[in-house]
Amino acid sequence: MEPIFSLSREFLYIPVKGPSGGEGVQVAFTNEDGEPIETDWHAATWDNHSAAGADAKILVGPGGDGAVALAEGTYRAWVRVSALVEKPVLPGGLVPVI
């Protein structure tokens, strides 16, 4: 993923194959080698729906109001999809914050 400046407040889009966009979705950020725990998850939304899937969309940056503040560093993004029976947790790539 492209670097995000730590002072910037912008949406981060994480492509996910398969979902229709009607499922619940959450995003977590961990260190590069970590795995998310329950308190790491943040509510997200779907965007850019297509036959192949959709993008998990989350606001990152300073300022509160639902944005996830990330200090400078490199994070691994995770996406959790909440379907009727399944709840897959998928790695979403590295997010450099500079």
PDB file of N, CA and C in Angstrom:
ATOM      1  N   MET A   1       0.838  -1.181   0.000  1.00  0.00           N
ATOM      2  CA  MET A   1       0.000   0.000   0.000  1.00  0.00           C
ATOM      3  C   MET A   1       0.880   1.240   0.000  1.00  0.00           C
ATOM      4  N   GLU A   2       0.339   2.309  -0.502  1.00  0.00           N
ATOM      5  CA  GLU A   2       1.060   3.582  -0.507  1.00  0.00           C
ATOM      6  C   GLU A   2       1.198   4.105   0.928  1.00  0.00           C
ATOM      7  N   PRO A   3       2.306   4.782   1.254  1.00  0.00           N
ATOM      8  CA  PRO A   3       2.453   5.352   2.594  1.00  0.00           C
ATOM      9  C   PRO A   3       1.371   6.391   2.890  1.00  0.00           C
ATOM     10  N   ILE A   4       1.004   6.459   4.155  1.00  0.00           N
ATOM     11  CA  ILE A   4       0.062   7.464   4.651  1.00  0.00           C
ATOM     12  C   ILE A   4       0.846   8.368   5.590  1.00  0.00           C
ATOM     13  N   PHE A   5       0.696   9.657   5.455  1.00  0.00           N
ATOM     14  CA  PHE A   5       1.366  10.582   6.359  1.00  0.00           C
ATOM     15  C   PHE A   5       0.620  10.608   7.688  1.00  0.00           C
ATOM     16  N   SER A   6       1.364  10.607   8.803  1.00  0.00           N
ATOM     17  CA  SER A   6       0.747  10.513  10.128  1.00  0.00           C
ATOM     18  C   SER A   6      -0.181  11.685  10.431  1.00  0.00           C
ATOM     19  N   LEU A   7      -0.009  12.817   9.764  1.00  0.00           N
ATOM     20  CA  LEU A   7      -0.884  13.977   9.978  1.00  0.00           C
ATOM     21  C   LEU A   7      -2.077  13.981   9.038  1.00  0.00           C
ATOM     22  N   SER A   8      -2.096  13.044   8.092  1.00  0.00           N
ATOM     23  CA  SER A   8      -3.161  12.976   7.098  1.00  0.00           C
ATOM     24  C   SER A   8      -4.358  12.213   7.660  1.00  0.00           C
ATOM     25  N   ARG A   9      -5.544  12.630   7.258  1.00  0.00           N
ATOM     26  CA  ARG A   9      -6.786  11.945   7.637  1.00  0.00           C
ATOM     27  C   ARG A   9      -7.456  11.531   6.331  1.00  0.00           C
ATOM     28  N   GLU A  10      -7.474  10.224   6.059  1.00  0.00           N
ATOM     29  CA  GLU A  10      -7.983   9.754   4.769  1.00  0.00           C
ATOM     30  C   GLU A  10      -8.527   8.338   4.897  1.00  0.00           C
ATOM     31  N   PHE A  11      -9.313   7.950   3.888  1.00  0.00           N
ATOM     32  CA  PHE A  11      -9.840   6.593   3.859  1.00  0.00           C
ATOM     33  C   PHE A  11      -8.780   5.637   3.333  1.00  0.00           C
ATOM     34  N   LEU A  12      -8.719   4.471   3.950  1.00  0.00           N
ATOM     35  CA  LEU A  12      -7.860   3.384   3.514  1.00  0.00           C
ATOM     36  C   LEU A  12      -8.779   2.308   2.935  1.00  0.00           C
ATOM     37  N   TYR A  13      -8.453   1.821   1.740  1.00  0.00           N
ATOM     38  CA  TYR A  13      -9.257   0.819   1.044  1.00  0.00           C
ATOM     39  C   TYR A  13      -8.474  -0.483   0.979  1.00  0.00           C
ATOM     40  N   ILE A  14      -9.086  -1.568   1.449  1.00  0.00           N
ATOM     41  CA  ILE A  14      -8.434  -2.873   1.458  1.00  0.00           C
ATOM     42  C   ILE A  14      -9.277  -3.832   0.615  1.00  0.00           C
ATOM     43  N   PRO A  15      -8.775  -4.279  -0.543  1.00  0.00           N
ATOM     44  CA  PRO A  15      -9.566  -5.167  -1.399  1.00  0.00           C
ATOM     45  C   PRO A  15      -9.782  -6.538  -0.755  1.00  0.00           C
ATOM     46  N   VAL A  16     -11.008  -7.023  -0.865  1.00  0.00           N
ATOM     47  CA  VAL A  16     -11.370  -8.334  -0.324  1.00  0.00           C
ATOM     48  C   VAL A  16     -12.113  -9.101  -1.416  1.00  0.00           C
ATOM     49  N   LYS A  17     -11.648 -10.294  -1.744  1.00  0.00           N
ATOM     50  CA  LYS A  17     -12.310 -11.112  -2.767  1.00  0.00           C
ATOM     51  C   LYS A  17     -13.493 -11.849  -2.150  1.00  0.00           C
ATOM     52  N   GLY A  18     -14.622 -11.823  -2.846  1.00  0.00           N
ATOM     53  CA  GLY A  18     -15.746 -12.646  -2.452  1.00  0.00           C
ATOM     54  C   GLY A  18     -16.953 -11.979  -1.830  1.00  0.00           C
ATOM     55  N   PRO A  19     -16.801 -11.015  -0.915  1.00  0.00           N
ATOM     56  CA  PRO A  19     -17.997 -10.508  -0.252  1.00  0.00           C
ATOM     57  C   PRO A  19     -18.913  -9.743  -1.203  1.00  0.00           C
ATOM     58  N   SER A  20     -20.187  -9.772  -0.883  1.00  0.00           N
ATOM     59  CA  SER A  20     -21.175  -9.051  -1.694  1.00  0.00           C
ATOM     60  C   SER A  20     -21.267  -7.588  -1.289  1.00  0.00           C
ATOM     61  N   GLY A  21     -20.757  -7.273  -0.102  1.00  0.00           N
ATOM     62  CA  GLY A  21     -20.880  -5.914   0.430  1.00  0.00           C
ATOM     63  C   GLY A  21     -22.024  -5.792   1.412  1.00  0.00           C
ATOM     64  N   GLY A  22     -22.799  -6.855   1.581  1.00  0.00           N
ATOM     65  CA  GLY A  22     -23.895  -6.845   2.539  1.00  0.00           C
ATOM     66  C   GLY A  22     -23.491  -7.374   3.906  1.00  0.00           C
ATOM     67  N   GLU A  23     -22.331  -7.977   4.003  1.00  0.00           N
ATOM     68  CA  GLU A  23     -21.854  -8.526   5.267  1.00  0.00           C
ATOM     69  C   GLU A  23     -21.297  -7.407   6.156  1.00  0.00           C
ATOM     70  N   GLY A  24     -21.190  -7.689   7.444  1.00  0.00           N
ATOM     71  CA  GLY A  24     -20.501  -6.775   8.340  1.00  0.00           C
ATOM     72  C   GLY A  24     -19.007  -6.847   8.078  1.00  0.00           C
ATOM     73  N   VAL A  25     -18.302  -5.749   8.359  1.00  0.00           N
ATOM     74  CA  VAL A  25     -16.854  -5.745   8.135  1.00  0.00           C
ATOM     75  C   VAL A  25     -16.174  -4.901   9.204  1.00  0.00           C
ATOM     76  N   GLN A  26     -15.017  -5.377   9.652  1.00  0.00           N
ATOM     77  CA  GLN A  26     -14.180  -4.663  10.610  1.00  0.00           C
ATOM     78  C   GLN A  26     -12.735  -4.731  10.132  1.00  0.00           C
ATOM     79  N   VAL A  27     -11.941  -3.761  10.576  1.00  0.00           N
ATOM     80  CA  VAL A  27     -10.519  -3.708  10.233  1.00  0.00           C
ATOM     81  C   VAL A  27      -9.724  -3.559  11.524  1.00  0.00           C
ATOM     82  N   ALA A  28      -8.585  -4.243  11.596  1.00  0.00           N
ATOM     83  CA  ALA A  28      -7.664  -4.124  12.726  1.00  0.00           C
ATOM     84  C   ALA A  28      -6.280  -3.796  12.185  1.00  0.00           C
ATOM     85  N   PHE A  29      -5.469  -3.173  13.035  1.00  0.00           N
ATOM     86  CA  PHE A  29      -4.082  -2.871  12.700  1.00  0.00           C
ATOM     87  C   PHE A  29      -3.200  -3.434  13.803  1.00  0.00           C
ATOM     88  N   THR A  30      -2.153  -4.188  13.407  1.00  0.00           N
ATOM     89  CA  THR A  30      -1.202  -4.736  14.363  1.00  0.00           C
ATOM     90  C   THR A  30       0.204  -4.393  13.887  1.00  0.00           C
ATOM     91  N   ASN A  31       1.212  -4.758  14.706  1.00  0.00           N
ATOM     92  CA  ASN A  31       2.577  -4.626  14.194  1.00  0.00           C
ATOM     93  C   ASN A  31       2.741  -5.641  13.065  1.00  0.00           C
ATOM     94  N   GLU A  32       3.829  -5.581  12.363  1.00  0.00           N
ATOM     95  CA  GLU A  32       4.009  -6.395  11.150  1.00  0.00           C
ATOM     96  C   GLU A  32       3.854  -7.892  11.392  1.00  0.00           C
ATOM     97  N   ASP A  33       4.254  -8.368  12.565  1.00  0.00           N
ATOM     98  CA  ASP A  33       4.236  -9.804  12.842  1.00  0.00           C
ATOM     99  C   ASP A  33       3.097 -10.223  13.761  1.00  0.00           C
ATOM    100  N   GLY A  34       2.301  -9.258  14.226  1.00  0.00           N
ATOM    101  CA  GLY A  34       1.258  -9.567  15.193  1.00  0.00           C
ATOM    102  C   GLY A  34      -0.031 -10.049  14.568  1.00  0.00           C
ATOM    103  N   GLU A  35      -0.878 -10.607  15.422  1.00  0.00           N
ATOM    104  CA  GLU A  35      -2.229 -10.982  15.032  1.00  0.00           C
ATOM    105  C   GLU A  35      -3.205 -10.178  15.881  1.00  0.00           C
ATOM    106  N   PRO A  36      -4.359  -9.834  15.343  1.00  0.00           N
ATOM    107  CA  PRO A  36      -5.287  -8.980  16.088  1.00  0.00           C
ATOM    108  C   PRO A  36      -5.947  -9.707  17.255  1.00  0.00           C
ATOM    109  N   ILE A  37      -6.204  -8.941  18.312  1.00  0.00           N
ATOM    110  CA  ILE A  37      -7.021  -9.412  19.426  1.00  0.00           C
ATOM    111  C   ILE A  37      -8.345  -8.657  19.357  1.00  0.00           C
ATOM    112  N   GLU A  38      -9.308  -9.063  20.126  1.00  0.00           N
ATOM    113  CA  GLU A  38     -10.665  -8.532  20.007  1.00  0.00           C
ATOM    114  C   GLU A  38     -10.714  -7.007  20.115  1.00  0.00           C
ATOM    115  N   THR A  39      -9.903  -6.409  20.971  1.00  0.00           N
ATOM    116  CA  THR A  39      -9.953  -4.953  21.154  1.00  0.00           C
ATOM    117  C   THR A  39      -9.294  -4.175  20.016  1.00  0.00           C
ATOM    118  N   ASP A  40      -8.631  -4.857  19.083  1.00  0.00           N
ATOM    119  CA  ASP A  40      -7.993  -4.192  17.938  1.00  0.00           C
ATOM    120  C   ASP A  40      -8.981  -3.848  16.825  1.00  0.00           C
ATOM    121  N   TRP A  41     -10.159  -4.450  16.826  1.00  0.00           N
ATOM    122  CA  TRP A  41     -11.082  -4.315  15.690  1.00  0.00           C
ATOM    123  C   TRP A  41     -11.835  -2.998  15.706  1.00  0.00           C
ATOM    124  N   HIS A  42     -11.984  -2.403  14.517  1.00  0.00           N
ATOM    125  CA  HIS A  42     -12.696  -1.135  14.315  1.00  0.00           C
ATOM    126  C   HIS A  42     -13.751  -1.332  13.229  1.00  0.00           C
ATOM    127  N   ALA A  43     -14.899  -0.706  13.417  1.00  0.00           N
ATOM    128  CA  ALA A  43     -15.969  -0.798  12.419  1.00  0.00           C
ATOM    129  C   ALA A  43     -15.497  -0.196  11.100  1.00  0.00           C
ATOM    130  N   ALA A  44     -15.852  -0.850  10.015  1.00  0.00           N
ATOM    131  CA  ALA A  44     -15.516  -0.380   8.667  1.00  0.00           C
ATOM    132  C   ALA A  44     -16.770  -0.494   7.803  1.00  0.00           C
ATOM    133  N   THR A  45     -16.656  -0.051   6.569  1.00  0.00           N
ATOM    134  CA  THR A  45     -17.760  -0.151   5.616  1.00  0.00           C
ATOM    135  C   THR A  45     -17.224  -0.749   4.321  1.00  0.00           C
ATOM    136  N   TRP A  46     -18.136  -1.067   3.410  1.00  0.00           N
ATOM    137  CA  TRP A  46     -17.761  -1.578   2.096  1.00  0.00           C
ATOM    138  C   TRP A  46     -17.854  -0.473   1.060  1.00  0.00           C
ATOM    139  N   ASP A  47     -16.990  -0.542   0.053  1.00  0.00           N
ATOM    140  CA  ASP A  47     -17.018   0.401  -1.066  1.00  0.00           C
ATOM    141  C   ASP A  47     -16.515  -0.339  -2.312  1.00  0.00           C
ATOM    142  N   ASN A  48     -16.742   0.254  -3.468  1.00  0.00           N
ATOM    143  CA  ASN A  48     -16.241  -0.284  -4.742  1.00  0.00           C
ATOM    144  C   ASN A  48     -16.649  -1.740  -4.974  1.00  0.00           C
ATOM    145  N   HIS A  49     -17.927  -2.027  -4.830  1.00  0.00           N
ATOM    146  CA  HIS A  49     -18.442  -3.383  -5.032  1.00  0.00           C
ATOM    147  C   HIS A  49     -18.283  -3.796  -6.490  1.00  0.00           C
ATOM    148  N   SER A  50     -17.936  -5.065  -6.696  1.00  0.00           N
ATOM    149  CA  SER A  50     -17.857  -5.624  -8.049  1.00  0.00           C
ATOM    150  C   SER A  50     -18.189  -7.105  -7.962  1.00  0.00           C
ATOM    151  N   ALA A  51     -18.212  -7.768  -9.098  1.00  0.00           N
ATOM    152  CA  ALA A  51     -18.476  -9.207  -9.111  1.00  0.00           C
ATOM    153  C   ALA A  51     -17.384  -9.975  -8.367  1.00  0.00           C
ATOM    154  N   ALA A  52     -16.182  -9.422  -8.308  1.00  0.00           N
ATOM    155  CA  ALA A  52     -15.058 -10.090  -7.657  1.00  0.00           C
ATOM    156  C   ALA A  52     -15.043  -9.899  -6.145  1.00  0.00           C
ATOM    157  N   GLY A  53     -15.699  -8.868  -5.630  1.00  0.00           N
ATOM    158  CA  GLY A  53     -15.671  -8.586  -4.203  1.00  0.00           C
ATOM    159  C   GLY A  53     -15.912  -7.118  -3.932  1.00  0.00           C
ATOM    160  N   ALA A  54     -15.274  -6.608  -2.883  1.00  0.00           N
ATOM    161  CA  ALA A  54     -15.453  -5.210  -2.489  1.00  0.00           C
ATOM    162  C   ALA A  54     -14.233  -4.770  -1.693  1.00  0.00           C
ATOM    163  N   ASP A  55     -14.131  -3.464  -1.469  1.00  0.00           N
ATOM    164  CA  ASP A  55     -13.060  -2.910  -0.640  1.00  0.00           C
ATOM    165  C   ASP A  55     -13.593  -2.614   0.749  1.00  0.00           C
ATOM    166  N   ALA A  56     -12.870  -3.095   1.782  1.00  0.00           N
ATOM    167  CA  ALA A  56     -13.147  -2.655   3.140  1.00  0.00           C
ATOM    168  C   ALA A  56     -12.599  -1.235   3.248  1.00  0.00           C
ATOM    169  N   LYS A  57     -13.398  -0.327   3.791  1.00  0.00           N
ATOM    170  CA  LYS A  57     -13.042   1.096   3.830  1.00  0.00           C
ATOM    171  C   LYS A  57     -13.056   1.562   5.280  1.00  0.00           C
ATOM    172  N   ILE A  58     -11.952   2.193   5.712  1.00  0.00           N
ATOM    173  CA  ILE A  58     -11.859   2.704   7.076  1.00  0.00           C
ATOM    174  C   ILE A  58     -11.115   4.035   7.067  1.00  0.00           C
ATOM    175  N   LEU A  59     -11.549   4.948   7.911  1.00  0.00           N
ATOM    176  CA  LEU A  59     -10.928   6.266   8.024  1.00  0.00           C
ATOM    177  C   LEU A  59      -9.774   6.188   9.015  1.00  0.00           C
ATOM    178  N   VAL A  60      -8.580   6.616   8.595  1.00  0.00           N
ATOM    179  CA  VAL A  60      -7.413   6.635   9.472  1.00  0.00           C
ATOM    180  C   VAL A  60      -6.866   8.054   9.555  1.00  0.00           C
ATOM    181  N   GLY A  61      -6.264   8.349  10.711  1.00  0.00           N
ATOM    182  CA  GLY A  61      -5.657   9.659  10.899  1.00  0.00           C
ATOM    183  C   GLY A  61      -6.083  10.283  12.211  1.00  0.00           C
ATOM    184  N   PRO A  62      -5.540  11.450  12.505  1.00  0.00           N
ATOM    185  CA  PRO A  62      -5.855  12.132  13.759  1.00  0.00           C
ATOM    186  C   PRO A  62      -7.241  12.774  13.720  1.00  0.00           C
ATOM    187  N   GLY A  63      -7.709  13.158  14.882  1.00  0.00           N
ATOM    188  CA  GLY A  63      -8.932  13.956  14.938  1.00  0.00           C
ATOM    189  C   GLY A  63     -10.149  13.277  15.515  1.00  0.00           C
ATOM    190  N   GLY A  64     -10.059  12.000  15.856  1.00  0.00           N
ATOM    191  CA  GLY A  64     -11.222  11.324  16.429  1.00  0.00           C
ATOM    192  C   GLY A  64     -12.349  11.162  15.436  1.00  0.00           C
ATOM    193  N   ASP A  65     -13.576  11.300  15.915  1.00  0.00           N
ATOM    194  CA  ASP A  65     -14.777  11.169  15.080  1.00  0.00           C
ATOM    195  C   ASP A  65     -14.775   9.882  14.266  1.00  0.00           C
ATOM    196  N   GLY A  66     -14.341   8.782  14.865  1.00  0.00           N
ATOM    197  CA  GLY A  66     -14.356   7.499  14.183  1.00  0.00           C
ATOM    198  C   GLY A  66     -13.090   7.143  13.435  1.00  0.00           C
ATOM    199  N   ALA A  67     -12.158   8.084  13.305  1.00  0.00           N
ATOM    200  CA  ALA A  67     -10.901   7.785  12.609  1.00  0.00           C
ATOM    201  C   ALA A  67      -9.973   6.991  13.532  1.00  0.00           C
ATOM    202  N   VAL A  68      -9.225   6.071  12.957  1.00  0.00           N
ATOM    203  CA  VAL A  68      -8.244   5.294  13.703  1.00  0.00           C
ATOM    204  C   VAL A  68      -6.905   6.010  13.598  1.00  0.00           C
ATOM    205  N   ALA A  69      -6.393   6.501  14.726  1.00  0.00           N
ATOM    206  CA  ALA A  69      -5.114   7.217  14.741  1.00  0.00           C
ATOM    207  C   ALA A  69      -3.971   6.200  14.761  1.00  0.00           C
ATOM    208  N   LEU A  70      -3.044   6.333  13.824  1.00  0.00           N
ATOM    209  CA  LEU A  70      -1.877   5.461  13.743  1.00  0.00           C
ATOM    210  C   LEU A  70      -0.615   6.309  13.823  1.00  0.00           C
ATOM    211  N   ALA A  71       0.250   6.004  14.794  1.00  0.00           N
ATOM    212  CA  ALA A  71       1.533   6.694  14.905  1.00  0.00           C
ATOM    213  C   ALA A  71       2.446   6.223  13.775  1.00  0.00           C
ATOM    214  N   GLU A  72       3.550   6.927  13.572  1.00  0.00           N
ATOM    215  CA  GLU A  72       4.493   6.527  12.526  1.00  0.00           C
ATOM    216  C   GLU A  72       4.976   5.104  12.776  1.00  0.00           C
ATOM    217  N   GLY A  73       5.062   4.335  11.711  1.00  0.00           N
ATOM    218  CA  GLY A  73       5.482   2.937  11.800  1.00  0.00           C
ATOM    219  C   GLY A  73       4.861   2.149  10.665  1.00  0.00           C
ATOM    220  N   THR A  74       5.077   0.852  10.677  1.00  0.00           N
ATOM    221  CA  THR A  74       4.479  -0.023   9.671  1.00  0.00           C
ATOM    222  C   THR A  74       3.535  -0.983  10.371  1.00  0.00           C
ATOM    223  N   TYR A  75       2.330  -1.062   9.876  1.00  0.00           N
ATOM    224  CA  TYR A  75       1.274  -1.879  10.467  1.00  0.00           C
ATOM    225  C   TYR A  75       0.809  -2.920   9.466  1.00  0.00           C
ATOM    226  N   ARG A  76       0.333  -4.047   9.997  1.00  0.00           N
ATOM    227  CA  ARG A  76      -0.364  -5.012   9.155  1.00  0.00           C
ATOM    228  C   ARG A  76      -1.856  -4.764   9.345  1.00  0.00           C
ATOM    229  N   ALA A  77      -2.563  -4.589   8.227  1.00  0.00           N
ATOM    230  CA  ALA A  77      -4.016  -4.434   8.267  1.00  0.00           C
ATOM    231  C   ALA A  77      -4.656  -5.817   8.188  1.00  0.00           C
ATOM    232  N   TRP A  78      -5.750  -5.984   8.902  1.00  0.00           N
ATOM    233  CA  TRP A  78      -6.529  -7.216   8.895  1.00  0.00           C
ATOM    234  C   TRP A  78      -7.979  -6.858   8.639  1.00  0.00           C
ATOM    235  N   VAL A  79      -8.688  -7.725   7.927  1.00  0.00           N
ATOM    236  CA  VAL A  79     -10.112  -7.523   7.660  1.00  0.00           C
ATOM    237  C   VAL A  79     -10.870  -8.722   8.222  1.00  0.00           C
ATOM    238  N   ARG A  80     -11.943  -8.428   8.969  1.00  0.00           N
ATOM    239  CA  ARG A  80     -12.822  -9.486   9.474  1.00  0.00           C
ATOM    240  C   ARG A  80     -14.201  -9.283   8.858  1.00  0.00           C
ATOM    241  N   VAL A  81     -14.671 -10.304   8.164  1.00  0.00           N
ATOM    242  CA  VAL A  81     -15.977 -10.262   7.510  1.00  0.00           C
ATOM    243  C   VAL A  81     -16.950 -11.067   8.355  1.00  0.00           C
ATOM    244  N   SER A  82     -18.100 -10.483   8.668  1.00  0.00           N
ATOM    245  CA  SER A  82     -19.107 -11.167   9.485  1.00  0.00           C
ATOM    246  C   SER A  82     -20.266 -11.600   8.607  1.00  0.00           C
ATOM    247  N   ALA A  83     -20.263 -12.872   8.238  1.00  0.00           N
ATOM    248  CA  ALA A  83     -21.351 -13.451   7.452  1.00  0.00           C
ATOM    249  C   ALA A  83     -22.245 -14.259   8.398  1.00  0.00           C
ATOM    250  N   LEU A  84     -23.264 -14.905   7.858  1.00  0.00           N
ATOM    251  CA  LEU A  84     -24.206 -15.644   8.697  1.00  0.00           C
ATOM    252  C   LEU A  84     -23.528 -16.724   9.527  1.00  0.00           C
ATOM    253  N   VAL A  85     -22.704 -17.540   8.904  1.00  0.00           N
ATOM    254  CA  VAL A  85     -22.061 -18.641   9.610  1.00  0.00           C
ATOM    255  C   VAL A  85     -20.562 -18.397   9.757  1.00  0.00           C
ATOM    256  N   GLU A  86     -19.935 -17.940   8.701  1.00  0.00           N
ATOM    257  CA  GLU A  86     -18.485 -17.756   8.711  1.00  0.00           C
ATOM    258  C   GLU A  86     -18.100 -16.360   9.197  1.00  0.00           C
ATOM    259  N   LYS A  87     -16.887 -16.276   9.761  1.00  0.00           N
ATOM    260  CA  LYS A  87     -16.315 -14.990  10.158  1.00  0.00           C
ATOM    261  C   LYS A  87     -14.823 -15.019   9.825  1.00  0.00           C
ATOM    262  N   PRO A  88     -14.477 -14.979   8.520  1.00  0.00           N
ATOM    263  CA  PRO A  88     -13.069 -15.067   8.144  1.00  0.00           C
ATOM    264  C   PRO A  88     -12.281 -13.821   8.556  1.00  0.00           C
ATOM    265  N   VAL A  89     -11.037 -14.053   8.948  1.00  0.00           N
ATOM    266  CA  VAL A  89     -10.083 -12.987   9.249  1.00  0.00           C
ATOM    267  C   VAL A  89      -8.999 -13.077   8.185  1.00  0.00           C
ATOM    268  N   LEU A  90      -8.812 -11.986   7.438  1.00  0.00           N
ATOM    269  CA  LEU A  90      -7.929 -11.984   6.277  1.00  0.00           C
ATOM    270  C   LEU A  90      -6.838 -10.927   6.420  1.00  0.00           C
ATOM    271  N   PRO A  91      -5.570 -11.277   6.121  1.00  0.00           N
ATOM    272  CA  PRO A  91      -4.531 -10.247   6.125  1.00  0.00           C
ATOM    273  C   PRO A  91      -4.754  -9.291   4.963  1.00  0.00           C
ATOM    274  N   GLY A  92      -4.598  -7.997   5.242  1.00  0.00           N
ATOM    275  CA  GLY A  92      -4.875  -6.990   4.226  1.00  0.00           C
ATOM    276  C   GLY A  92      -3.662  -6.253   3.716  1.00  0.00           C
ATOM    277  N   GLY A  93      -2.475  -6.666   4.096  1.00  0.00           N
ATOM    278  CA  GLY A  93      -1.269  -6.009   3.614  1.00  0.00           C
ATOM    279  C   GLY A  93      -0.657  -5.074   4.641  1.00  0.00           C
ATOM    280  N   LEU A  94       0.531  -4.571   4.306  1.00  0.00           N
ATOM    281  CA  LEU A  94       1.256  -3.664   5.192  1.00  0.00           C
ATOM    282  C   LEU A  94       0.875  -2.222   4.896  1.00  0.00           C
ATOM    283  N   VAL A  95       0.737  -1.440   5.972  1.00  0.00           N
ATOM    284  CA  VAL A  95       0.361  -0.031   5.870  1.00  0.00           C
ATOM    285  C   VAL A  95       1.496   0.796   6.472  1.00  0.00           C
ATOM    286  N   PRO A  96       2.332   1.447   5.641  1.00  0.00           N
ATOM    287  CA  PRO A  96       3.378   2.309   6.178  1.00  0.00           C
ATOM    288  C   PRO A  96       2.812   3.689   6.525  1.00  0.00           C
ATOM    289  N   VAL A  97       3.080   4.133   7.747  1.00  0.00           N
ATOM    290  CA  VAL A  97       2.665   5.467   8.189  1.00  0.00           C
ATOM    291  C   VAL A  97       3.943   6.250   8.444  1.00  0.00           C
ATOM    292  N   ILE A  98       4.099   7.374   7.722  1.00  0.00           N
ATOM    293  CA  ILE A  98       5.340   8.149   7.827  1.00  0.00           C
ATOM    294  C   ILE A  98       5.060   9.543   8.351  1.00  0.00           C
TER     295      ILE A  98
END
